[in-house]
Amino acid sequence: MKMSFIALLPLATALVLLAQQTMPRMTTVEPATGKVGDVLAVAGENLDKDQVKEVYLTVGSTDVKVEITEQAGAAIKFKIPEKAASGRYSLMILTSGKEPKLIEQPVKITVE
């Protein structure tokens, strides 16, 4: 019994590391300030359509879905929607797949 557990431990560790490596992550946004209708570019990793289904601006309990205009593995371009009031927002993604998750990113923008 102990031998089978020890033999499975490296496999379980490898699967956890693999799952962590494919998690979408935003690292920067340019420009960091914009107005309704402006297009902003986010850089990061694992941002393609297979990983990221939707992007939101979020502040407190208010989430505003943005329009994605371009999407690739290392970048997403999106338009600030009309519903976005002036203020400072975090970016949040909805992952793709069987069990989608909302994940707030460490990237912030200011809507003027």
PDB file of N, CA and C in Angstrom:
ATOM      1  N   MET A   1       0.811  -1.189   0.000  1.00  0.00           N
ATOM      2  CA  MET A   1       0.000   0.000   0.000  1.00  0.00           C
ATOM      3  C   MET A   1       0.861   1.263   0.000  1.00  0.00           C
ATOM      4  N   LYS A   2       1.879   1.297   0.850  1.00  0.00           N
ATOM      5  CA  LYS A   2       2.748   2.461   0.912  1.00  0.00           C
ATOM      6  C   LYS A   2       3.519   2.643  -0.381  1.00  0.00           C
ATOM      7  N   MET A   3       3.933   1.565  -1.023  1.00  0.00           N
ATOM      8  CA  MET A   3       4.694   1.649  -2.274  1.00  0.00           C
ATOM      9  C   MET A   3       3.847   2.250  -3.389  1.00  0.00           C
ATOM     10  N   SER A   4       2.577   1.884  -3.490  1.00  0.00           N
ATOM     11  CA  SER A   4       1.740   2.424  -4.560  1.00  0.00           C
ATOM     12  C   SER A   4       1.505   3.918  -4.355  1.00  0.00           C
ATOM     13  N   PHE A   5       1.357   4.345  -3.111  1.00  0.00           N
ATOM     14  CA  PHE A   5       1.189   5.772  -2.830  1.00  0.00           C
ATOM     15  C   PHE A   5       2.448   6.540  -3.216  1.00  0.00           C
ATOM     16  N   ILE A   6       3.594   6.015  -2.864  1.00  0.00           N
ATOM     17  CA  ILE A   6       4.870   6.659  -3.179  1.00  0.00           C
ATOM     18  C   ILE A   6       5.081   6.705  -4.684  1.00  0.00           C
ATOM     19  N   ALA A   7       4.679   5.682  -5.393  1.00  0.00           N
ATOM     20  CA  ALA A   7       4.837   5.656  -6.844  1.00  0.00           C
ATOM     21  C   ALA A   7       3.917   6.674  -7.525  1.00  0.00           C
ATOM     22  N   LEU A   8       2.755   6.935  -6.971  1.00  0.00           N
ATOM     23  CA  LEU A   8       1.811   7.879  -7.568  1.00  0.00           C
ATOM     24  C   LEU A   8       2.115   9.334  -7.220  1.00  0.00           C
ATOM     25  N   LEU A   9       2.879   9.582  -6.180  1.00  0.00           N
ATOM     26  CA  LEU A   9       3.178  10.936  -5.749  1.00  0.00           C
ATOM     27  C   LEU A   9       3.855  11.773  -6.841  1.00  0.00           C
ATOM     28  N   PRO A  10       4.893  11.301  -7.531  1.00  0.00           N
ATOM     29  CA  PRO A  10       5.501  12.105  -8.604  1.00  0.00           C
ATOM     30  C   PRO A  10       4.512  12.415  -9.735  1.00  0.00           C
ATOM     31  N   LEU A  11       3.653  11.460 -10.064  1.00  0.00           N
ATOM     32  CA  LEU A  11       2.661  11.688 -11.118  1.00  0.00           C
ATOM     33  C   LEU A  11       1.680  12.785 -10.696  1.00  0.00           C
ATOM     34  N   ALA A  12       1.210  12.744  -9.485  1.00  0.00           N
ATOM     35  CA  ALA A  12       0.282  13.764  -8.986  1.00  0.00           C
ATOM     36  C   ALA A  12       0.951  15.135  -8.967  1.00  0.00           C
ATOM     37  N   THR A  13       2.197  15.191  -8.554  1.00  0.00           N
ATOM     38  CA  THR A  13       2.939  16.448  -8.535  1.00  0.00           C
ATOM     39  C   THR A  13       3.082  17.008  -9.944  1.00  0.00           C
ATOM     40  N   ALA A  14       3.403  16.166 -10.905  1.00  0.00           N
ATOM     41  CA  ALA A  14       3.544  16.595 -12.297  1.00  0.00           C
ATOM     42  C   ALA A  14       2.230  17.142 -12.840  1.00  0.00           C
ATOM     43  N   LEU A  15       1.113  16.511 -12.517  1.00  0.00           N
ATOM     44  CA  LEU A  15      -0.187  16.980 -12.979  1.00  0.00           C
ATOM     45  C   LEU A  15      -0.546  18.336 -12.377  1.00  0.00           C
ATOM     46  N   VAL A  16      -0.228  18.543 -11.121  1.00  0.00           N
ATOM     47  CA  VAL A  16      -0.482  19.834 -10.477  1.00  0.00           C
ATOM     48  C   VAL A  16       0.349  20.922 -11.140  1.00  0.00           C
ATOM     49  N   LEU A  17       1.613  20.648 -11.388  1.00  0.00           N
ATOM     50  CA  LEU A  17       2.478  21.634 -12.039  1.00  0.00           C
ATOM     51  C   LEU A  17       2.000  21.944 -13.448  1.00  0.00           C
ATOM     52  N   LEU A  18       1.566  20.939 -14.177  1.00  0.00           N
ATOM     53  CA  LEU A  18       1.056  21.143 -15.532  1.00  0.00           C
ATOM     54  C   LEU A  18      -0.194  22.012 -15.499  1.00  0.00           C
ATOM     55  N   ALA A  19      -1.077  21.789 -14.576  1.00  0.00           N
ATOM     56  CA  ALA A  19      -2.303  22.575 -14.454  1.00  0.00           C
ATOM     57  C   ALA A  19      -1.982  24.027 -14.125  1.00  0.00           C
ATOM     58  N   GLN A  20      -0.992  24.255 -13.282  1.00  0.00           N
ATOM     59  CA  GLN A  20      -0.605  25.614 -12.924  1.00  0.00           C
ATOM     60  C   GLN A  20       0.027  26.343 -14.096  1.00  0.00           C
ATOM     61  N   GLN A  21       0.745  25.641 -14.947  1.00  0.00           N
ATOM     62  CA  GLN A  21       1.425  26.262 -16.072  1.00  0.00           C
ATOM     63  C   GLN A  21       0.452  26.760 -17.123  1.00  0.00           C
ATOM     64  N   THR A  22      -0.710  26.166 -17.239  1.00  0.00           N
ATOM     65  CA  THR A  22      -1.642  26.567 -18.280  1.00  0.00           C
ATOM     66  C   THR A  22      -2.673  27.576 -17.789  1.00  0.00           C
ATOM     67  N   MET A  23      -2.563  28.052 -16.584  1.00  0.00           N
ATOM     68  CA  MET A  23      -3.498  29.032 -16.050  1.00  0.00           C
ATOM     69  C   MET A  23      -3.267  30.369 -16.751  1.00  0.00           C
ATOM     70  N   PRO A  24      -4.321  31.002 -17.263  1.00  0.00           N
ATOM     71  CA  PRO A  24      -4.158  32.313 -17.896  1.00  0.00           C
ATOM     72  C   PRO A  24      -3.689  33.355 -16.877  1.00  0.00           C
ATOM     73  N   ARG A  25      -2.848  34.266 -17.353  1.00  0.00           N
ATOM     74  CA  ARG A  25      -2.322  35.292 -16.455  1.00  0.00           C
ATOM     75  C   ARG A  25      -2.054  36.568 -17.239  1.00  0.00           C
ATOM     76  N   MET A  26      -2.621  37.667 -16.771  1.00  0.00           N
ATOM     77  CA  MET A  26      -2.373  38.981 -17.356  1.00  0.00           C
ATOM     78  C   MET A  26      -1.277  39.659 -16.543  1.00  0.00           C
ATOM     79  N   THR A  27      -0.339  40.314 -17.240  1.00  0.00           N
ATOM     80  CA  THR A  27       0.779  40.937 -16.530  1.00  0.00           C
ATOM     81  C   THR A  27       0.835  42.452 -16.690  1.00  0.00           C
ATOM     82  N   THR A  28       0.467  42.972 -17.855  1.00  0.00           N
ATOM     83  CA  THR A  28       0.502  44.423 -18.079  1.00  0.00           C
ATOM     84  C   THR A  28      -0.658  44.835 -18.979  1.00  0.00           C
ATOM     85  N   VAL A  29      -0.986  46.130 -18.927  1.00  0.00           N
ATOM     86  CA  VAL A  29      -2.002  46.690 -19.822  1.00  0.00           C
ATOM     87  C   VAL A  29      -1.505  48.050 -20.314  1.00  0.00           C
ATOM     88  N   GLU A  30      -1.713  48.304 -21.597  1.00  0.00           N
ATOM     89  CA  GLU A  30      -1.299  49.568 -22.204  1.00  0.00           C
ATOM     90  C   GLU A  30      -2.409  50.110 -23.065  1.00  0.00           C
ATOM     91  N   PRO A  31      -2.760  51.352 -22.963  1.00  0.00           N
ATOM     92  CA  PRO A  31      -2.416  52.233 -21.857  1.00  0.00           C
ATOM     93  C   PRO A  31      -3.176  51.827 -20.602  1.00  0.00           C
ATOM     94  N   ALA A  32      -2.769  52.349 -19.484  1.00  0.00           N
ATOM     95  CA  ALA A  32      -3.411  51.988 -18.219  1.00  0.00           C
ATOM     96  C   ALA A  32      -4.625  52.858 -17.920  1.00  0.00           C
ATOM     97  N   THR A  33      -4.841  53.866 -18.747  1.00  0.00           N
ATOM     98  CA  THR A  33      -5.973  54.766 -18.604  1.00  0.00           C
ATOM     99  C   THR A  33      -6.662  54.919 -19.944  1.00  0.00           C
ATOM    100  N   GLY A  34      -8.005  54.950 -19.928  1.00  0.00           N
ATOM    101  CA  GLY A  34      -8.734  55.119 -21.174  1.00  0.00           C
ATOM    102  C   GLY A  34     -10.135  55.633 -20.947  1.00  0.00           C
ATOM    103  N   LYS A  35     -10.809  55.914 -22.071  1.00  0.00           N
ATOM    104  CA  LYS A  35     -12.185  56.387 -22.048  1.00  0.00           C
ATOM    105  C   LYS A  35     -13.075  55.338 -22.695  1.00  0.00           C
ATOM    106  N   VAL A  36     -14.383  55.474 -22.516  1.00  0.00           N
ATOM    107  CA  VAL A  36     -15.335  54.577 -23.163  1.00  0.00           C
ATOM    108  C   VAL A  36     -15.046  54.550 -24.661  1.00  0.00           C
ATOM    109  N   GLY A  37     -14.955  53.336 -25.223  1.00  0.00           N
ATOM    110  CA  GLY A  37     -14.677  53.166 -26.653  1.00  0.00           C
ATOM    111  C   GLY A  37     -13.217  52.951 -26.984  1.00  0.00           C
ATOM    112  N   ASP A  38     -12.314  53.312 -26.072  1.00  0.00           N
ATOM    113  CA  ASP A  38     -10.880  53.107 -26.308  1.00  0.00           C
ATOM    114  C   ASP A  38     -10.555  51.620 -26.300  1.00  0.00           C
ATOM    115  N   VAL A  39      -9.530  51.250 -27.072  1.00  0.00           N
ATOM    116  CA  VAL A  39      -9.052  49.866 -27.106  1.00  0.00           C
ATOM    117  C   VAL A  39      -7.754  49.800 -26.309  1.00  0.00           C
ATOM    118  N   LEU A  40      -7.696  48.860 -25.353  1.00  0.00           N
ATOM    119  CA  LEU A  40      -6.518  48.647 -24.528  1.00  0.00           C
ATOM    120  C   LEU A  40      -5.935  47.276 -24.846  1.00  0.00           C
ATOM    121  N   ALA A  41      -4.628  47.128 -24.670  1.00  0.00           N
ATOM    122  CA  ALA A  41      -3.943  45.870 -24.950  1.00  0.00           C
ATOM    123  C   ALA A  41      -3.367  45.289 -23.665  1.00  0.00           C
ATOM    124  N   VAL A  42      -3.732  44.049 -23.384  1.00  0.00           N
ATOM    125  CA  VAL A  42      -3.233  43.339 -22.212  1.00  0.00           C
ATOM    126  C   VAL A  42      -2.218  42.299 -22.676  1.00  0.00           C
ATOM    127  N   ALA A  43      -1.073  42.254 -22.007  1.00  0.00           N
ATOM    128  CA  ALA A  43      -0.066  41.234 -22.289  1.00  0.00           C
ATOM    129  C   ALA A  43      -0.072  40.218 -21.150  1.00  0.00           C
ATOM    130  N   GLY A  44       0.308  38.990 -21.472  1.00  0.00           N
ATOM    131  CA  GLY A  44       0.368  37.949 -20.456  1.00  0.00           C
ATOM    132  C   GLY A  44       0.677  36.612 -21.089  1.00  0.00           C
ATOM    133  N   GLU A  45       0.136  35.558 -20.508  1.00  0.00           N
ATOM    134  CA  GLU A  45       0.373  34.216 -21.036  1.00  0.00           C
ATOM    135  C   GLU A  45      -0.897  33.381 -20.935  1.00  0.00           C
ATOM    136  N   ASN A  46      -1.030  32.447 -21.853  1.00  0.00           N
ATOM    137  CA  ASN A  46      -2.192  31.548 -21.909  1.00  0.00           C
ATOM    138  C   ASN A  46      -3.506  32.324 -22.021  1.00  0.00           C
ATOM    139  N   LEU A  47      -3.530  33.337 -22.874  1.00  0.00           N
ATOM    140  CA  LEU A  47      -4.699  34.194 -23.032  1.00  0.00           C
ATOM    141  C   LEU A  47      -5.525  33.859 -24.276  1.00  0.00           C
ATOM    142  N   ASP A  48      -5.204  32.782 -24.970  1.00  0.00           N
ATOM    143  CA  ASP A  48      -5.940  32.429 -26.186  1.00  0.00           C
ATOM    144  C   ASP A  48      -7.370  32.002 -25.875  1.00  0.00           C
ATOM    145  N   LYS A  49      -8.176  31.819 -26.928  1.00  0.00           N
ATOM    146  CA  LYS A  49      -9.595  31.484 -26.757  1.00  0.00           C
ATOM    147  C   LYS A  49      -9.811  30.146 -26.055  1.00  0.00           C
ATOM    148  N   ASP A  50      -8.852  29.235 -26.158  1.00  0.00           N
ATOM    149  CA  ASP A  50      -8.970  27.948 -25.463  1.00  0.00           C
ATOM    150  C   ASP A  50      -8.857  28.102 -23.947  1.00  0.00           C
ATOM    151  N   GLN A  51      -8.270  29.212 -23.499  1.00  0.00           N
ATOM    152  CA  GLN A  51      -8.061  29.444 -22.068  1.00  0.00           C
ATOM    153  C   GLN A  51      -8.980  30.524 -21.492  1.00  0.00           C
ATOM    154  N   VAL A  52      -9.231  31.588 -22.279  1.00  0.00           N
ATOM    155  CA  VAL A  52      -9.996  32.738 -21.792  1.00  0.00           C
ATOM    156  C   VAL A  52     -11.239  32.920 -22.657  1.00  0.00           C
ATOM    157  N   LYS A  53     -12.389  32.826 -22.022  1.00  0.00           N
ATOM    158  CA  LYS A  53     -13.662  32.967 -22.742  1.00  0.00           C
ATOM    159  C   LYS A  53     -14.136  34.420 -22.766  1.00  0.00           C
ATOM    160  N   GLU A  54     -14.048  35.112 -21.616  1.00  0.00           N
ATOM    161  CA  GLU A  54     -14.525  36.483 -21.499  1.00  0.00           C
ATOM    162  C   GLU A  54     -13.601  37.279 -20.580  1.00  0.00           C
ATOM    163  N   VAL A  55     -13.662  38.617 -20.727  1.00  0.00           N
ATOM    164  CA  VAL A  55     -12.899  39.525 -19.868  1.00  0.00           C
ATOM    165  C   VAL A  55     -13.867  40.551 -19.296  1.00  0.00           C
ATOM    166  N   TYR A  56     -13.658  40.904 -18.032  1.00  0.00           N
ATOM    167  CA  TYR A  56     -14.516  41.862 -17.336  1.00  0.00           C
ATOM    168  C   TYR A  56     -13.670  42.939 -16.660  1.00  0.00           C
ATOM    169  N   LEU A  57     -14.270  44.122 -16.504  1.00  0.00           N
ATOM    170  CA  LEU A  57     -13.762  45.129 -15.590  1.00  0.00           C
ATOM    171  C   LEU A  57     -14.505  44.891 -14.291  1.00  0.00           C
ATOM    172  N   THR A  58     -13.830  44.921 -13.176  1.00  0.00           N
ATOM    173  CA  THR A  58     -14.489  44.634 -11.902  1.00  0.00           C
ATOM    174  C   THR A  58     -14.027  45.600 -10.817  1.00  0.00           C
ATOM    175  N   VAL A  59     -14.994  45.994 -10.007  1.00  0.00           N
ATOM    176  CA  VAL A  59     -14.715  46.816  -8.832  1.00  0.00           C
ATOM    177  C   VAL A  59     -15.786  46.467  -7.810  1.00  0.00           C
ATOM    178  N   GLY A  60     -15.367  45.943  -6.675  1.00  0.00           N
ATOM    179  CA  GLY A  60     -16.326  45.517  -5.659  1.00  0.00           C
ATOM    180  C   GLY A  60     -17.245  44.440  -6.205  1.00  0.00           C
ATOM    181  N   SER A  61     -18.546  44.685  -6.134  1.00  0.00           N
ATOM    182  CA  SER A  61     -19.510  43.693  -6.632  1.00  0.00           C
ATOM    183  C   SER A  61     -20.014  44.034  -8.036  1.00  0.00           C
ATOM    184  N   THR A  62     -19.385  45.011  -8.701  1.00  0.00           N
ATOM    185  CA  THR A  62     -19.790  45.420 -10.043  1.00  0.00           C
ATOM    186  C   THR A  62     -18.824  44.854 -11.081  1.00  0.00           C
ATOM    187  N   ASP A  63     -19.369  44.090 -12.019  1.00  0.00           N
ATOM    188  CA  ASP A  63     -18.579  43.524 -13.115  1.00  0.00           C
ATOM    189  C   ASP A  63     -19.170  44.013 -14.434  1.00  0.00           C
ATOM    190  N   VAL A  64     -18.300  44.483 -15.337  1.00  0.00           N
ATOM    191  CA  VAL A  64     -18.735  44.969 -16.640  1.00  0.00           C
ATOM    192  C   VAL A  64     -17.972  44.185 -17.707  1.00  0.00           C
ATOM    193  N   LYS A  65     -18.704  43.447 -18.548  1.00  0.00           N
ATOM    194  CA  LYS A  65     -18.083  42.658 -19.602  1.00  0.00           C
ATOM    195  C   LYS A  65     -17.556  43.591 -20.689  1.00  0.00           C
ATOM    196  N   VAL A  66     -16.326  43.311 -21.156  1.00  0.00           N
ATOM    197  CA  VAL A  66     -15.734  44.099 -22.234  1.00  0.00           C
ATOM    198  C   VAL A  66     -15.864  43.346 -23.553  1.00  0.00           C
ATOM    199  N   GLU A  67     -15.709  44.074 -24.638  1.00  0.00           N
ATOM    200  CA  GLU A  67     -15.711  43.463 -25.967  1.00  0.00           C
ATOM    201  C   GLU A  67     -14.266  43.149 -26.355  1.00  0.00           C
ATOM    202  N   ILE A  68     -13.956  41.874 -26.552  1.00  0.00           N
ATOM    203  CA  ILE A  68     -12.618  41.483 -26.998  1.00  0.00           C
ATOM    204  C   ILE A  68     -12.545  41.724 -28.498  1.00  0.00           C
ATOM    205  N   THR A  69     -11.552  42.516 -28.929  1.00  0.00           N
ATOM    206  CA  THR A  69     -11.405  42.810 -30.355  1.00  0.00           C
ATOM    207  C   THR A  69     -10.340  41.940 -31.016  1.00  0.00           C
ATOM    208  N   GLU A  70      -9.337  41.520 -30.256  1.00  0.00           N
ATOM    209  CA  GLU A  70      -8.292  40.605 -30.740  1.00  0.00           C
ATOM    210  C   GLU A  70      -7.856  39.729 -29.575  1.00  0.00           C
ATOM    211  N   GLN A  71      -7.496  38.472 -29.894  1.00  0.00           N
ATOM    212  CA  GLN A  71      -7.087  37.559 -28.830  1.00  0.00           C
ATOM    213  C   GLN A  71      -6.067  36.575 -29.361  1.00  0.00           C
ATOM    214  N   ALA A  72      -4.964  36.430 -28.633  1.00  0.00           N
ATOM    215  CA  ALA A  72      -3.909  35.472 -28.952  1.00  0.00           C
ATOM    216  C   ALA A  72      -3.330  34.954 -27.642  1.00  0.00           C
ATOM    217  N   GLY A  73      -2.398  34.045 -27.711  1.00  0.00           N
ATOM    218  CA  GLY A  73      -1.826  33.434 -26.523  1.00  0.00           C
ATOM    219  C   GLY A  73      -1.154  34.401 -25.572  1.00  0.00           C
ATOM    220  N   ALA A  74      -0.514  35.454 -26.123  1.00  0.00           N
ATOM    221  CA  ALA A  74       0.242  36.379 -25.277  1.00  0.00           C
ATOM    222  C   ALA A  74      -0.410  37.748 -25.146  1.00  0.00           C
ATOM    223  N   ALA A  75      -1.580  37.960 -25.768  1.00  0.00           N
ATOM    224  CA  ALA A  75      -2.196  39.287 -25.705  1.00  0.00           C
ATOM    225  C   ALA A  75      -3.696  39.241 -25.987  1.00  0.00           C
ATOM    226  N   ILE A  76      -4.400  40.175 -25.386  1.00  0.00           N
ATOM    227  CA  ILE A  76      -5.819  40.409 -25.653  1.00  0.00           C
ATOM    228  C   ILE A  76      -6.001  41.911 -25.811  1.00  0.00           C
ATOM    229  N   LYS A  77      -6.737  42.307 -26.857  1.00  0.00           N
ATOM    230  CA  LYS A  77      -7.137  43.703 -27.012  1.00  0.00           C
ATOM    231  C   LYS A  77      -8.634  43.763 -26.756  1.00  0.00           C
ATOM    232  N   PHE A  78      -9.049  44.781 -25.981  1.00  0.00           N
ATOM    233  CA  PHE A  78     -10.472  44.913 -25.674  1.00  0.00           C
ATOM    234  C   PHE A  78     -10.879  46.372 -25.681  1.00  0.00           C
ATOM    235  N   LYS A  79     -12.180  46.586 -25.875  1.00  0.00           N
ATOM    236  CA  LYS A  79     -12.750  47.921 -25.917  1.00  0.00           C
ATOM    237  C   LYS A  79     -13.457  48.210 -24.593  1.00  0.00           C
ATOM    238  N   ILE A  80     -13.237  49.405 -24.060  1.00  0.00           N
ATOM    239  CA  ILE A  80     -13.923  49.811 -22.840  1.00  0.00           C
ATOM    240  C   ILE A  80     -15.396  50.044 -23.188  1.00  0.00           C
ATOM    241  N   PRO A  81     -16.307  49.338 -22.523  1.00  0.00           N
ATOM    242  CA  PRO A  81     -17.727  49.427 -22.871  1.00  0.00           C
ATOM    243  C   PRO A  81     -18.400  50.702 -22.348  1.00  0.00           C
ATOM    244  N   GLU A  82     -19.522  51.052 -22.952  1.00  0.00           N
ATOM    245  CA  GLU A  82     -20.290  52.232 -22.540  1.00  0.00           C
ATOM    246  C   GLU A  82     -20.781  52.134 -21.103  1.00  0.00           C
ATOM    247  N   LYS A  83     -21.012  50.921 -20.623  1.00  0.00           N
ATOM    248  CA  LYS A  83     -21.527  50.714 -19.261  1.00  0.00           C
ATOM    249  C   LYS A  83     -20.493  50.994 -18.178  1.00  0.00           C
ATOM    250  N   ALA A  84     -19.234  51.180 -18.561  1.00  0.00           N
ATOM    251  CA  ALA A  84     -18.169  51.390 -17.574  1.00  0.00           C
ATOM    252  C   ALA A  84     -18.183  52.835 -17.085  1.00  0.00           C
ATOM    253  N   ALA A  85     -18.477  53.022 -15.818  1.00  0.00           N
ATOM    254  CA  ALA A  85     -18.434  54.345 -15.200  1.00  0.00           C
ATOM    255  C   ALA A  85     -16.975  54.719 -14.937  1.00  0.00           C
ATOM    256  N   SER A  86     -16.731  55.982 -14.723  1.00  0.00           N
ATOM    257  CA  SER A  86     -15.378  56.433 -14.381  1.00  0.00           C
ATOM    258  C   SER A  86     -14.932  55.757 -13.094  1.00  0.00           C
ATOM    259  N   GLY A  87     -13.662  55.394 -13.046  1.00  0.00           N
ATOM    260  CA  GLY A  87     -13.120  54.777 -11.849  1.00  0.00           C
ATOM    261  C   GLY A  87     -11.960  53.850 -12.147  1.00  0.00           C
ATOM    262  N   ARG A  88     -11.462  53.226 -11.107  1.00  0.00           N
ATOM    263  CA  ARG A  88     -10.325  52.293 -11.219  1.00  0.00           C
ATOM    264  C   ARG A  88     -10.867  50.874 -11.116  1.00  0.00           C
ATOM    265  N   TYR A  89     -10.502  50.038 -12.099  1.00  0.00           N
ATOM    266  CA  TYR A  89     -11.013  48.671 -12.188  1.00  0.00           C
ATOM    267  C   TYR A  89      -9.870  47.667 -12.223  1.00  0.00           C
ATOM    268  N   SER A  90     -10.132  46.494 -11.701  1.00  0.00           N
ATOM    269  CA  SER A  90      -9.264  45.340 -11.914  1.00  0.00           C
ATOM    270  C   SER A  90      -9.796  44.616 -13.141  1.00  0.00           C
ATOM    271  N   LEU A  91      -8.945  43.847 -13.790  1.00  0.00           N
ATOM    272  CA  LEU A  91      -9.385  42.996 -14.884  1.00  0.00           C
ATOM    273  C   LEU A  91      -9.655  41.610 -14.320  1.00  0.00           C
ATOM    274  N   MET A  92     -10.680  40.970 -14.849  1.00  0.00           N
ATOM    275  CA  MET A  92     -11.054  39.633 -14.412  1.00  0.00           C
ATOM    276  C   MET A  92     -11.363  38.807 -15.657  1.00  0.00           C
ATOM    277  N   ILE A  93     -10.958  37.541 -15.632  1.00  0.00           N
ATOM    278  CA  ILE A  93     -11.217  36.666 -16.771  1.00  0.00           C
ATOM    279  C   ILE A  93     -12.178  35.549 -16.374  1.00  0.00           C
ATOM    280  N   LEU A  94     -12.917  35.083 -17.371  1.00  0.00           N
ATOM    281  CA  LEU A  94     -13.710  33.866 -17.244  1.00  0.00           C
ATOM    282  C   LEU A  94     -12.989  32.828 -18.068  1.00  0.00           C
ATOM    283  N   THR A  95     -12.532  31.766 -17.432  1.00  0.00           N
ATOM    284  CA  THR A  95     -11.796  30.734 -18.153  1.00  0.00           C
ATOM    285  C   THR A  95     -12.735  29.905 -19.021  1.00  0.00           C
ATOM    286  N   SER A  96     -12.181  29.292 -20.034  1.00  0.00           N
ATOM    287  CA  SER A  96     -12.926  28.384 -20.897  1.00  0.00           C
ATOM    288  C   SER A  96     -12.865  26.984 -20.299  1.00  0.00           C
ATOM    289  N   GLY A  97     -13.568  26.058 -20.905  1.00  0.00           N
ATOM    290  CA  GLY A  97     -13.476  24.671 -20.481  1.00  0.00           C
ATOM    291  C   GLY A  97     -14.715  24.169 -19.775  1.00  0.00           C
ATOM    292  N   LYS A  98     -14.600  22.943 -19.256  1.00  0.00           N
ATOM    293  CA  LYS A  98     -15.727  22.272 -18.612  1.00  0.00           C
ATOM    294  C   LYS A  98     -16.160  22.956 -17.323  1.00  0.00           C
ATOM    295  N   GLU A  99     -15.215  23.494 -16.580  1.00  0.00           N
ATOM    296  CA  GLU A  99     -15.514  24.157 -15.315  1.00  0.00           C
ATOM    297  C   GLU A  99     -14.975  25.587 -15.335  1.00  0.00           C
ATOM    298  N   PRO A 100     -15.681  26.513 -16.013  1.00  0.00           N
ATOM    299  CA  PRO A 100     -15.198  27.895 -16.099  1.00  0.00           C
ATOM    300  C   PRO A 100     -15.087  28.539 -14.721  1.00  0.00           C
ATOM    301  N   LYS A 101     -14.062  29.379 -14.568  1.00  0.00           N
ATOM    302  CA  LYS A 101     -13.839  30.072 -13.298  1.00  0.00           C
ATOM    303  C   LYS A 101     -13.583  31.547 -13.578  1.00  0.00           C
ATOM    304  N   LEU A 102     -14.086  32.400 -12.702  1.00  0.00           N
ATOM    305  CA  LEU A 102     -13.764  33.819 -12.747  1.00  0.00           C
ATOM    306  C   LEU A 102     -12.502  34.032 -11.921  1.00  0.00           C
ATOM    307  N   ILE A 103     -11.489  34.660 -12.540  1.00  0.00           N
ATOM    308  CA  ILE A 103     -10.218  34.875 -11.847  1.00  0.00           C
ATOM    309  C   ILE A 103      -9.820  36.337 -11.995  1.00  0.00           C
ATOM    310  N   GLU A 104      -9.759  37.047 -10.855  1.00  0.00           N
ATOM    311  CA  GLU A 104      -9.323  38.434 -10.884  1.00  0.00           C
ATOM    312  C   GLU A 104      -7.817  38.474 -11.127  1.00  0.00           C
ATOM    313  N   GLN A 105      -7.396  39.373 -12.003  1.00  0.00           N
ATOM    314  CA  GLN A 105      -5.998  39.477 -12.392  1.00  0.00           C
ATOM    315  C   GLN A 105      -5.323  40.627 -11.657  1.00  0.00           C
ATOM    316  N   PRO A 106      -3.993  40.595 -11.534  1.00  0.00           N
ATOM    317  CA  PRO A 106      -3.265  41.663 -10.824  1.00  0.00           C
ATOM    318  C   PRO A 106      -2.996  42.874 -11.720  1.00  0.00           C
ATOM    319  N   VAL A 107      -3.939  43.167 -12.619  1.00  0.00           N
ATOM    320  CA  VAL A 107      -3.790  44.266 -13.569  1.00  0.00           C
ATOM    321  C   VAL A 107      -4.968  45.213 -13.372  1.00  0.00           C
ATOM    322  N   LYS A 108      -4.685  46.519 -13.332  1.00  0.00           N
ATOM    323  CA  LYS A 108      -5.738  47.509 -13.103  1.00  0.00           C
ATOM    324  C   LYS A 108      -5.712  48.563 -14.205  1.00  0.00           C
ATOM    325  N   ILE A 109      -6.922  49.109 -14.485  1.00  0.00           N
ATOM    326  CA  ILE A 109      -7.025  50.221 -15.430  1.00  0.00           C
ATOM    327  C   ILE A 109      -7.867  51.318 -14.795  1.00  0.00           C
ATOM    328  N   THR A 110      -7.730  52.518 -15.326  1.00  0.00           N
ATOM    329  CA  THR A 110      -8.557  53.628 -14.903  1.00  0.00           C
ATOM    330  C   THR A 110      -9.394  54.075 -16.084  1.00  0.00           C
ATOM    331  N   VAL A 111     -10.706  54.165 -15.874  1.00  0.00           N
ATOM    332  CA  VAL A 111     -11.610  54.675 -16.900  1.00  0.00           C
ATOM    333  C   VAL A 111     -11.899  56.133 -16.542  1.00  0.00           C
ATOM    334  N   GLU A 112     -11.645  57.022 -17.502  1.00  0.00           N
ATOM    335  CA  GLU A 112     -11.857  58.459 -17.267  1.00  0.00           C
ATOM    336  C   GLU A 112     -13.289  58.840 -17.548  1.00  0.00           C
TER     337      GLU A 112
END
